[in-house]
Amino acid sequence: MGCGGPHIYGILEEKGVKDPLDLPLRKRLTEYIRRNPGVHFRKISRDLDLAIGQVDFHLNSLVKGEVLIKDSSTSNARYFVRDKFTREERKAMSVLRREIPRGVVVYLLENPGSTPHEILGSFNFTHATLSYHLKRLERSGILVVEQKGRERFYIVKDQDIIEMLLVLYKTTLLDTIVDGIS
C-alpha cells in the first residue's frame, strides 16, 4: 500500500478535501506536469525537491481524481494532464523525453529515409545502441521502415505531430539537439 493508505484519504476527506486540486502541492504538481508533459516520477521528485513518498501519494491522488494520466507504456511511468494529449501525442512525448530516441527522431525529421549507417554517422554511440532504439521506435509506431533489398530506410511516421510537440515543448526538452529546431 502506498504512503498513507486509506487512513490518510479519510483524514483529508474529514478536513473537506474532496477536489484533488484543493491542496497547493497538488496544484504545484499539476502545473509542473502541464509544463513538462511526459515527465517521469523521479524527475518530478528531483525537480520539485519533494520526498518520493510525498510525490507518490499526491500523484496517485491526482490520477485517481482524474486530473492526471499515468502512462506506463514505457520503462518509466510518465505523467500527463488529462485531456491535453491524444494517445499518439503521449506516446510521442514519452519518446521525446529520452535523449537518444529524441536525437534519432530529430535527425530523421531532417533526413527522412536515412539508413542506420547514415544515422550512426551523426552520433557518438554504438551500432547496437542505435539498433535497440530503432527497433523500439518502430514498435512504438513513431518510425516506419521501408525495406529495399537488404537496406532499411527510416521515416518519422507522424511528422506534423512530432514537430509540433518539439516546438511547443522545446524549453522542457533542453539540449543541443532540440536547440536547432525553430
C-alpha atoms as a PDB file:
ATOM      1  CA  MET A   1       0.000   0.000   0.000  1.00  0.00           C
ATOM      2  CA  GLY A   2       1.302   3.498  -0.891  1.00  0.00           C
ATOM      3  CA  CYS A   3       2.314   6.182   1.543  1.00  0.00           C
ATOM      4  CA  GLY A   4      -0.526   6.918   3.941  1.00  0.00           C
ATOM      5  CA  GLY A   5      -3.023   4.441   2.546  1.00  0.00           C
ATOM      6  CA  PRO A   6      -6.759   4.761   3.103  1.00  0.00           C
ATOM      7  CA  HIS A   7      -6.268   6.329   6.558  1.00  0.00           C
ATOM      8  CA  ILE A   8      -4.782   9.497   5.002  1.00  0.00           C
ATOM      9  CA  TYR A   9      -7.622   9.704   2.459  1.00  0.00           C
ATOM     10  CA  GLY A  10     -10.100   9.544   5.350  1.00  0.00           C
ATOM     11  CA  ILE A  11      -8.332  12.363   7.194  1.00  0.00           C
ATOM     12  CA  LEU A  12      -8.253  14.509   4.057  1.00  0.00           C
ATOM     13  CA  GLU A  13     -11.961  13.918   3.455  1.00  0.00           C
ATOM     14  CA  GLU A  14     -12.734  14.821   7.084  1.00  0.00           C
ATOM     15  CA  LYS A  15     -10.901  18.107   6.538  1.00  0.00           C
ATOM     16  CA  GLY A  16     -13.065  18.810   3.480  1.00  0.00           C
ATOM     17  CA  VAL A  17     -10.501  17.953   0.787  1.00  0.00           C
ATOM     18  CA  LYS A  18     -12.652  16.368  -1.906  1.00  0.00           C
ATOM     19  CA  ASP A  19     -11.342  18.094  -5.027  1.00  0.00           C
ATOM     20  CA  PRO A  20      -7.909  16.657  -5.908  1.00  0.00           C
ATOM     21  CA  LEU A  21      -6.677  20.204  -6.603  1.00  0.00           C
ATOM     22  CA  ASP A  22      -7.745  21.632  -3.220  1.00  0.00           C
ATOM     23  CA  LEU A  23      -4.209  21.236  -1.898  1.00  0.00           C
ATOM     24  CA  PRO A  24      -1.489  23.709  -3.005  1.00  0.00           C
ATOM     25  CA  LEU A  25       1.060  20.915  -3.512  1.00  0.00           C
ATOM     26  CA  ARG A  26      -1.282  19.135  -5.918  1.00  0.00           C
ATOM     27  CA  LYS A  27      -1.770  22.337  -7.875  1.00  0.00           C
ATOM     28  CA  ARG A  28       2.017  22.719  -7.996  1.00  0.00           C
ATOM     29  CA  LEU A  29       2.474  19.131  -9.230  1.00  0.00           C
ATOM     30  CA  THR A  30      -0.246  19.540 -11.871  1.00  0.00           C
ATOM     31  CA  GLU A  31       1.224  22.805 -13.144  1.00  0.00           C
ATOM     32  CA  TYR A  32       4.704  21.276 -13.301  1.00  0.00           C
ATOM     33  CA  ILE A  33       3.356  18.337 -15.331  1.00  0.00           C
ATOM     34  CA  ARG A  34       1.376  20.707 -17.578  1.00  0.00           C
ATOM     35  CA  ARG A  35       4.665  22.499 -18.392  1.00  0.00           C
ATOM     36  CA  ASN A  36       6.645  19.226 -18.639  1.00  0.00           C
ATOM     37  CA  PRO A  37       4.346  16.635 -20.207  1.00  0.00           C
ATOM     38  CA  GLY A  38       5.643  13.097 -20.176  1.00  0.00           C
ATOM     39  CA  VAL A  39       7.914  13.706 -17.197  1.00  0.00           C
ATOM     40  CA  HIS A  40       8.736  10.651 -15.101  1.00  0.00           C
ATOM     41  CA  PHE A  41       8.279  10.153 -11.372  1.00  0.00           C
ATOM     42  CA  ARG A  42      11.904  10.528 -10.218  1.00  0.00           C
ATOM     43  CA  LYS A  43      12.397  13.711 -12.223  1.00  0.00           C
ATOM     44  CA  ILE A  44       9.304  15.223 -10.617  1.00  0.00           C
ATOM     45  CA  SER A  45      10.681  14.361  -7.181  1.00  0.00           C
ATOM     46  CA  ARG A  46      14.137  15.796  -8.018  1.00  0.00           C
ATOM     47  CA  ASP A  47      12.995  18.954  -9.792  1.00  0.00           C
ATOM     48  CA  LEU A  48      10.451  19.902  -7.143  1.00  0.00           C
ATOM     49  CA  ASP A  49      12.717  18.749  -4.277  1.00  0.00           C
ATOM     50  CA  LEU A  50       9.987  16.564  -2.763  1.00  0.00           C
ATOM     51  CA  ALA A  51      10.208  13.265  -0.930  1.00  0.00           C
ATOM     52  CA  ILE A  52       9.381  10.202  -3.022  1.00  0.00           C
ATOM     53  CA  GLY A  53       6.562   9.121  -0.686  1.00  0.00           C
ATOM     54  CA  GLN A  54       5.022  12.573  -0.839  1.00  0.00           C
ATOM     55  CA  VAL A  55       5.160  12.666  -4.644  1.00  0.00           C
ATOM     56  CA  ASP A  56       3.775   9.127  -4.880  1.00  0.00           C
ATOM     57  CA  PHE A  57       0.832   9.881  -2.596  1.00  0.00           C
ATOM     58  CA  HIS A  58      -0.179  13.099  -4.347  1.00  0.00           C
ATOM     59  CA  LEU A  59       0.356  11.834  -7.903  1.00  0.00           C
ATOM     60  CA  ASN A  60      -1.791   8.778  -7.121  1.00  0.00           C
ATOM     61  CA  SER A  61      -4.495  11.104  -5.781  1.00  0.00           C
ATOM     62  CA  LEU A  62      -4.349  13.222  -8.919  1.00  0.00           C
ATOM     63  CA  VAL A  63      -4.572  10.128 -11.129  1.00  0.00           C
ATOM     64  CA  LYS A  64      -7.427   8.729  -9.018  1.00  0.00           C
ATOM     65  CA  GLY A  65      -9.148  12.134  -9.188  1.00  0.00           C
ATOM     66  CA  GLU A  66      -8.788  12.057 -12.999  1.00  0.00           C
ATOM     67  CA  VAL A  67      -6.648  15.187 -13.154  1.00  0.00           C
ATOM     68  CA  LEU A  68      -3.584  13.328 -14.460  1.00  0.00           C
ATOM     69  CA  ILE A  69      -2.931  10.299 -16.636  1.00  0.00           C
ATOM     70  CA  LYS A  70      -0.181   7.878 -15.672  1.00  0.00           C
ATOM     71  CA  ASP A  71       1.221   6.285 -18.831  1.00  0.00           C
ATOM     72  CA  SER A  72       3.089   3.078 -18.011  1.00  0.00           C
ATOM     73  CA  SER A  73       3.712   2.022 -21.614  1.00  0.00           C
ATOM     74  CA  THR A  74       7.451   2.755 -21.324  1.00  0.00           C
ATOM     75  CA  SER A  75      10.046   1.611 -18.814  1.00  0.00           C
ATOM     76  CA  ASN A  76       9.436   4.742 -16.719  1.00  0.00           C
ATOM     77  CA  ALA A  77       5.859   5.709 -15.907  1.00  0.00           C
ATOM     78  CA  ARG A  78       5.202   9.152 -17.345  1.00  0.00           C
ATOM     79  CA  TYR A  79       2.588  11.696 -16.319  1.00  0.00           C
ATOM     80  CA  PHE A  80       0.313  13.913 -18.404  1.00  0.00           C
ATOM     81  CA  VAL A  81      -2.517  16.316 -17.657  1.00  0.00           C
ATOM     82  CA  ARG A  82      -5.748  14.552 -18.617  1.00  0.00           C
ATOM     83  CA  ASP A  83      -7.458  15.618 -21.861  1.00  0.00           C
ATOM     84  CA  LYS A  84      -4.463  17.617 -23.076  1.00  0.00           C
ATOM     85  CA  PHE A  85      -2.865  14.914 -25.249  1.00  0.00           C
ATOM     86  CA  THR A  86      -4.090  12.180 -27.534  1.00  0.00           C
ATOM     87  CA  ARG A  87      -2.708   8.670 -27.078  1.00  0.00           C
ATOM     88  CA  GLU A  88      -0.378   9.229 -30.064  1.00  0.00           C
ATOM     89  CA  GLU A  89       0.886  12.514 -28.621  1.00  0.00           C
ATOM     90  CA  ARG A  90       1.516  10.887 -25.228  1.00  0.00           C
ATOM     91  CA  LYS A  91       3.463   8.112 -26.938  1.00  0.00           C
ATOM     92  CA  ALA A  92       5.484  10.672 -28.880  1.00  0.00           C
ATOM     93  CA  MET A  93       6.227  12.798 -25.785  1.00  0.00           C
ATOM     94  CA  SER A  94       7.359   9.702 -23.901  1.00  0.00           C
ATOM     95  CA  VAL A  95       9.884   9.090 -26.680  1.00  0.00           C
ATOM     96  CA  LEU A  96      10.924  12.728 -26.961  1.00  0.00           C
ATOM     97  CA  ARG A  97      11.739  12.860 -23.231  1.00  0.00           C
ATOM     98  CA  ARG A  98      14.619  10.413 -23.791  1.00  0.00           C
ATOM     99  CA  GLU A  99      17.829  11.837 -25.244  1.00  0.00           C
ATOM    100  CA  ILE A 100      18.939   9.134 -27.720  1.00  0.00           C
ATOM    101  CA  PRO A 101      15.497   8.420 -29.239  1.00  0.00           C
ATOM    102  CA  ARG A 102      14.829  12.198 -29.421  1.00  0.00           C
ATOM    103  CA  GLY A 103      18.121  12.683 -31.259  1.00  0.00           C
ATOM    104  CA  VAL A 104      17.332   9.913 -33.731  1.00  0.00           C
ATOM    105  CA  VAL A 105      13.827  11.282 -34.354  1.00  0.00           C
ATOM    106  CA  VAL A 106      15.117  14.845 -34.889  1.00  0.00           C
ATOM    107  CA  TYR A 107      17.798  13.516 -37.257  1.00  0.00           C
ATOM    108  CA  LEU A 108      15.143  11.618 -39.252  1.00  0.00           C
ATOM    109  CA  LEU A 109      12.900  14.688 -39.424  1.00  0.00           C
ATOM    110  CA  GLU A 110      15.791  16.492 -41.091  1.00  0.00           C
ATOM    111  CA  ASN A 111      16.956  13.446 -43.118  1.00  0.00           C
ATOM    112  CA  PRO A 112      13.936  11.266 -43.921  1.00  0.00           C
ATOM    113  CA  GLY A 113      14.657   7.892 -45.458  1.00  0.00           C
ATOM    114  CA  SER A 114      18.079   7.528 -43.821  1.00  0.00           C
ATOM    115  CA  THR A 115      19.763   4.186 -43.328  1.00  0.00           C
ATOM    116  CA  PRO A 116      21.179   3.074 -39.958  1.00  0.00           C
ATOM    117  CA  HIS A 117      24.699   3.699 -41.306  1.00  0.00           C
ATOM    118  CA  GLU A 118      23.779   7.300 -42.206  1.00  0.00           C
ATOM    119  CA  ILE A 119      22.124   7.877 -38.824  1.00  0.00           C
ATOM    120  CA  LEU A 120      25.092   6.433 -36.942  1.00  0.00           C
ATOM    121  CA  GLY A 121      27.446   8.855 -38.711  1.00  0.00           C
ATOM    122  CA  SER A 122      25.856  11.751 -36.822  1.00  0.00           C
ATOM    123  CA  PHE A 123      26.024  10.272 -33.323  1.00  0.00           C
ATOM    124  CA  ASN A 124      28.597   9.032 -30.873  1.00  0.00           C
ATOM    125  CA  PHE A 125      27.071   5.709 -29.839  1.00  0.00           C
ATOM    126  CA  THR A 126      27.397   2.117 -30.985  1.00  0.00           C
ATOM    127  CA  HIS A 127      25.539   0.317 -33.738  1.00  0.00           C
ATOM    128  CA  ALA A 128      23.959  -1.931 -31.083  1.00  0.00           C
ATOM    129  CA  THR A 129      22.601   1.127 -29.229  1.00  0.00           C
ATOM    130  CA  LEU A 130      21.171   2.553 -32.446  1.00  0.00           C
ATOM    131  CA  SER A 131      19.656  -0.795 -33.409  1.00  0.00           C
ATOM    132  CA  TYR A 132      17.997  -1.107 -29.994  1.00  0.00           C
ATOM    133  CA  HIS A 133      16.436   2.356 -30.229  1.00  0.00           C
ATOM    134  CA  LEU A 134      15.366   1.996 -33.868  1.00  0.00           C
ATOM    135  CA  LYS A 135      13.535  -1.238 -33.025  1.00  0.00           C
ATOM    136  CA  ARG A 136      11.787   0.408 -30.054  1.00  0.00           C
ATOM    137  CA  LEU A 137      10.836   3.455 -32.132  1.00  0.00           C
ATOM    138  CA  GLU A 138       9.493   1.195 -34.875  1.00  0.00           C
ATOM    139  CA  ARG A 139       7.485  -0.953 -32.403  1.00  0.00           C
ATOM    140  CA  SER A 140       6.033   2.148 -30.765  1.00  0.00           C
ATOM    141  CA  GLY A 141       4.796   3.404 -34.146  1.00  0.00           C
ATOM    142  CA  ILE A 142       6.981   6.531 -34.159  1.00  0.00           C
ATOM    143  CA  LEU A 143       9.053   5.330 -37.121  1.00  0.00           C
ATOM    144  CA  VAL A 144       8.152   3.429 -40.247  1.00  0.00           C
ATOM    145  CA  VAL A 145      10.651   1.365 -42.194  1.00  0.00           C
ATOM    146  CA  GLU A 146      10.904   0.850 -45.906  1.00  0.00           C
ATOM    147  CA  GLN A 147      12.872  -2.226 -46.910  1.00  0.00           C
ATOM    148  CA  LYS A 148      14.629  -2.261 -50.291  1.00  0.00           C
ATOM    149  CA  GLY A 149      16.656  -5.412 -50.675  1.00  0.00           C
ATOM    150  CA  ARG A 150      18.796  -5.720 -47.559  1.00  0.00           C
ATOM    151  CA  GLU A 151      18.741  -1.987 -46.831  1.00  0.00           C
ATOM    152  CA  ARG A 152      16.334  -0.375 -44.366  1.00  0.00           C
ATOM    153  CA  PHE A 153      15.232   3.253 -44.639  1.00  0.00           C
ATOM    154  CA  TYR A 154      13.648   5.012 -41.645  1.00  0.00           C
ATOM    155  CA  ILE A 155      10.991   7.735 -41.713  1.00  0.00           C
ATOM    156  CA  VAL A 156       9.129   9.510 -38.898  1.00  0.00           C
ATOM    157  CA  LYS A 157       5.510   8.387 -39.180  1.00  0.00           C
ATOM    158  CA  ASP A 158       3.563  11.422 -37.900  1.00  0.00           C
ATOM    159  CA  GLN A 159       5.991  14.230 -38.702  1.00  0.00           C
ATOM    160  CA  ASP A 160       3.480  17.013 -38.026  1.00  0.00           C
ATOM    161  CA  ILE A 161       2.704  15.764 -34.504  1.00  0.00           C
ATOM    162  CA  ILE A 162       6.384  15.272 -33.647  1.00  0.00           C
ATOM    163  CA  GLU A 163       7.388  18.686 -34.991  1.00  0.00           C
ATOM    164  CA  MET A 164       4.517  20.383 -33.153  1.00  0.00           C
ATOM    165  CA  LEU A 165       5.489  18.745 -29.836  1.00  0.00           C
ATOM    166  CA  LEU A 166       9.171  19.609 -30.313  1.00  0.00           C
ATOM    167  CA  VAL A 167       8.351  23.257 -30.958  1.00  0.00           C
ATOM    168  CA  LEU A 168       5.706  23.597 -28.208  1.00  0.00           C
ATOM    169  CA  TYR A 169       7.825  21.910 -25.540  1.00  0.00           C
ATOM    170  CA  LYS A 170      11.274  22.954 -26.727  1.00  0.00           C
ATOM    171  CA  THR A 171      12.072  24.637 -23.403  1.00  0.00           C
ATOM    172  CA  THR A 172      11.340  21.446 -21.451  1.00  0.00           C
ATOM    173  CA  LEU A 173      13.415  19.334 -23.838  1.00  0.00           C
ATOM    174  CA  LEU A 174      16.554  21.459 -23.460  1.00  0.00           C
ATOM    175  CA  ASP A 175      19.584  20.090 -25.195  1.00  0.00           C
ATOM    176  CA  THR A 176      21.667  20.832 -28.255  1.00  0.00           C
ATOM    177  CA  ILE A 177      19.576  18.504 -30.425  1.00  0.00           C
ATOM    178  CA  VAL A 178      16.361  20.460 -29.922  1.00  0.00           C
ATOM    179  CA  ASP A 179      18.080  23.880 -29.944  1.00  0.00           C
ATOM    180  CA  GLY A 180      18.422  23.614 -33.724  1.00  0.00           C
ATOM    181  CA  ILE A 181      14.646  23.424 -34.214  1.00  0.00           C
ATOM    182  CA  SER A 182      12.809  26.658 -34.949  1.00  0.00           C
END
